[in-house]
Amino acid sequence: MIVVESLEQAEKEVGDLLAAAPGVVDWSNVVELGDVIANGVAQEQAQSDITVFKSLGIALADVALGELVTRRAIAAVESGRGSVAVP
């Protein structure tokens, strides 16, 4: 799954997604960050699935995503489903 701040903006302006080889980016799997946060879209994924966030330059979305990732990481560690890697 690929997460973007704005699907409409991504379809027009995200060069690396638009330049990907045909079939690499499945636009039906590209979702808006708001749907992930408000509707739990990412929770529908298997734990082994990979989610990529493609920032379009909307700073507020970057802050919201950082907070979401931090909360989920803490919850995973506290439940025993995750661990913390220390560099």
C-alpha atoms as a PDB file:
ATOM      1  CA  MET A   1       0.000   0.000   0.000  1.00  0.00           C
ATOM      2  CA  ILE A   2       1.201   3.501  -0.813  1.00  0.00           C
ATOM      3  CA  VAL A   3      -0.025   6.377   1.368  1.00  0.00           C
ATOM      4  CA  VAL A   4      -0.094   9.984   0.138  1.00  0.00           C
ATOM      5  CA  GLU A   5      -1.497  13.205   1.564  1.00  0.00           C
ATOM      6  CA  SER A   6      -3.719  13.828  -1.456  1.00  0.00           C
ATOM      7  CA  LEU A   7      -4.608  11.199  -4.051  1.00  0.00           C
ATOM      8  CA  GLU A   8      -5.607  13.854  -6.587  1.00  0.00           C
ATOM      9  CA  GLN A   9      -2.279  15.658  -6.160  1.00  0.00           C
ATOM     10  CA  ALA A  10      -0.296  12.403  -6.288  1.00  0.00           C
ATOM     11  CA  GLU A  11      -1.899  11.337  -9.580  1.00  0.00           C
ATOM     12  CA  LYS A  12      -0.707  14.594 -11.157  1.00  0.00           C
ATOM     13  CA  GLU A  13       2.563  15.484  -9.437  1.00  0.00           C
ATOM     14  CA  VAL A  14       4.395  12.501  -7.948  1.00  0.00           C
ATOM     15  CA  GLY A  15       7.051  11.936 -10.577  1.00  0.00           C
ATOM     16  CA  ASP A  16       8.600   8.806  -9.129  1.00  0.00           C
ATOM     17  CA  LEU A  17       5.216   7.045  -8.916  1.00  0.00           C
ATOM     18  CA  LEU A  18       4.175   8.258 -12.359  1.00  0.00           C
ATOM     19  CA  ALA A  19       7.517   7.188 -13.889  1.00  0.00           C
ATOM     20  CA  ALA A  20       7.400   3.674 -12.408  1.00  0.00           C
ATOM     21  CA  ALA A  21       7.280   0.826 -14.871  1.00  0.00           C
ATOM     22  CA  PRO A  22       3.770  -0.194 -15.913  1.00  0.00           C
ATOM     23  CA  GLY A  23       2.182  -2.410 -13.278  1.00  0.00           C
ATOM     24  CA  VAL A  24       4.573  -1.393 -10.500  1.00  0.00           C
ATOM     25  CA  VAL A  25       2.223   1.168  -8.960  1.00  0.00           C
ATOM     26  CA  ASP A  26      -1.322  -0.105  -8.556  1.00  0.00           C
ATOM     27  CA  TRP A  27      -3.289   3.120  -8.069  1.00  0.00           C
ATOM     28  CA  SER A  28      -6.126   1.150  -6.460  1.00  0.00           C
ATOM     29  CA  ASN A  29      -3.698   0.515  -3.569  1.00  0.00           C
ATOM     30  CA  VAL A  30      -2.764   4.184  -3.173  1.00  0.00           C
ATOM     31  CA  VAL A  31      -4.697   5.728  -0.275  1.00  0.00           C
ATOM     32  CA  GLU A  32      -4.870   9.112   1.387  1.00  0.00           C
ATOM     33  CA  LEU A  33      -3.252   9.664   4.765  1.00  0.00           C
ATOM     34  CA  GLY A  34      -6.559  10.970   6.117  1.00  0.00           C
ATOM     35  CA  ASP A  35      -8.187   7.594   5.390  1.00  0.00           C
ATOM     36  CA  VAL A  36      -5.402   5.771   7.183  1.00  0.00           C
ATOM     37  CA  ILE A  37      -5.708   7.955  10.281  1.00  0.00           C
ATOM     38  CA  ALA A  38      -9.478   8.429  10.411  1.00  0.00           C
ATOM     39  CA  ASN A  39     -10.682   5.100   9.063  1.00  0.00           C
ATOM     40  CA  GLY A  40      -7.921   2.655  10.000  1.00  0.00           C
ATOM     41  CA  VAL A  41      -7.281   1.659   6.388  1.00  0.00           C
ATOM     42  CA  ALA A  42      -3.787   0.342   7.229  1.00  0.00           C
ATOM     43  CA  GLN A  43      -5.237  -2.026   9.846  1.00  0.00           C
ATOM     44  CA  GLU A  44      -6.743  -4.042   6.996  1.00  0.00           C
ATOM     45  CA  GLN A  45      -3.242  -5.071   5.891  1.00  0.00           C
ATOM     46  CA  ALA A  46      -1.381  -8.188   6.959  1.00  0.00           C
ATOM     47  CA  GLN A  47       1.471  -7.627   9.387  1.00  0.00           C
ATOM     48  CA  SER A  48       3.939  -8.751   6.687  1.00  0.00           C
ATOM     49  CA  ASP A  49       2.672  -6.208   4.110  1.00  0.00           C
ATOM     50  CA  ILE A  50       4.760  -3.135   3.373  1.00  0.00           C
ATOM     51  CA  THR A  51       3.314   0.373   3.541  1.00  0.00           C
ATOM     52  CA  VAL A  52       5.133   3.261   1.858  1.00  0.00           C
ATOM     53  CA  PHE A  53       4.393   6.910   2.653  1.00  0.00           C
ATOM     54  CA  LYS A  54       5.111   9.269  -0.235  1.00  0.00           C
ATOM     55  CA  SER A  55       5.187  12.797   1.109  1.00  0.00           C
ATOM     56  CA  LEU A  56       3.965  15.471  -1.252  1.00  0.00           C
ATOM     57  CA  GLY A  57       5.312  18.330   0.836  1.00  0.00           C
ATOM     58  CA  ILE A  58       2.363  19.038   3.119  1.00  0.00           C
ATOM     59  CA  ALA A  59       4.107  19.544   6.490  1.00  0.00           C
ATOM     60  CA  LEU A  60       1.041  18.988   8.668  1.00  0.00           C
ATOM     61  CA  ALA A  61       0.619  15.543   7.130  1.00  0.00           C
ATOM     62  CA  ASP A  62       4.260  14.722   7.951  1.00  0.00           C
ATOM     63  CA  VAL A  63       3.647  15.593  11.609  1.00  0.00           C
ATOM     64  CA  ALA A  64       0.432  13.546  11.703  1.00  0.00           C
ATOM     65  CA  LEU A  65       2.154  10.545  10.146  1.00  0.00           C
ATOM     66  CA  GLY A  66       5.052  10.752  12.594  1.00  0.00           C
ATOM     67  CA  GLU A  67       2.610  10.759  15.493  1.00  0.00           C
ATOM     68  CA  LEU A  68       0.669   7.801  14.063  1.00  0.00           C
ATOM     69  CA  VAL A  69       3.788   5.721  13.435  1.00  0.00           C
ATOM     70  CA  THR A  70       5.086   6.484  16.928  1.00  0.00           C
ATOM     71  CA  ARG A  71       1.804   5.475  18.579  1.00  0.00           C
ATOM     72  CA  ARG A  72       1.635   2.223  16.622  1.00  0.00           C
ATOM     73  CA  ALA A  73       5.271   1.382  17.325  1.00  0.00           C
ATOM     74  CA  ILE A  74       4.778   1.940  21.061  1.00  0.00           C
ATOM     75  CA  ALA A  75       1.620  -0.183  21.015  1.00  0.00           C
ATOM     76  CA  ALA A  76       3.433  -2.981  19.154  1.00  0.00           C
ATOM     77  CA  VAL A  77       6.306  -2.989  21.649  1.00  0.00           C
ATOM     78  CA  GLU A  78       3.958  -2.893  24.646  1.00  0.00           C
ATOM     79  CA  SER A  79       1.907  -5.802  23.275  1.00  0.00           C
ATOM     80  CA  GLY A  80       5.009  -7.878  22.537  1.00  0.00           C
ATOM     81  CA  ARG A  81       4.452  -7.768  18.758  1.00  0.00           C
ATOM     82  CA  GLY A  82       7.381  -5.475  18.035  1.00  0.00           C
ATOM     83  CA  SER A  83      10.810  -4.456  19.237  1.00  0.00           C
ATOM     84  CA  VAL A  84      12.949  -1.348  19.287  1.00  0.00           C
ATOM     85  CA  ALA A  85      16.130  -1.284  17.212  1.00  0.00           C
ATOM     86  CA  VAL A  86      18.858   0.854  18.765  1.00  0.00           C
ATOM     87  CA  PRO A  87      21.466   2.064  16.258  1.00  0.00           C
END
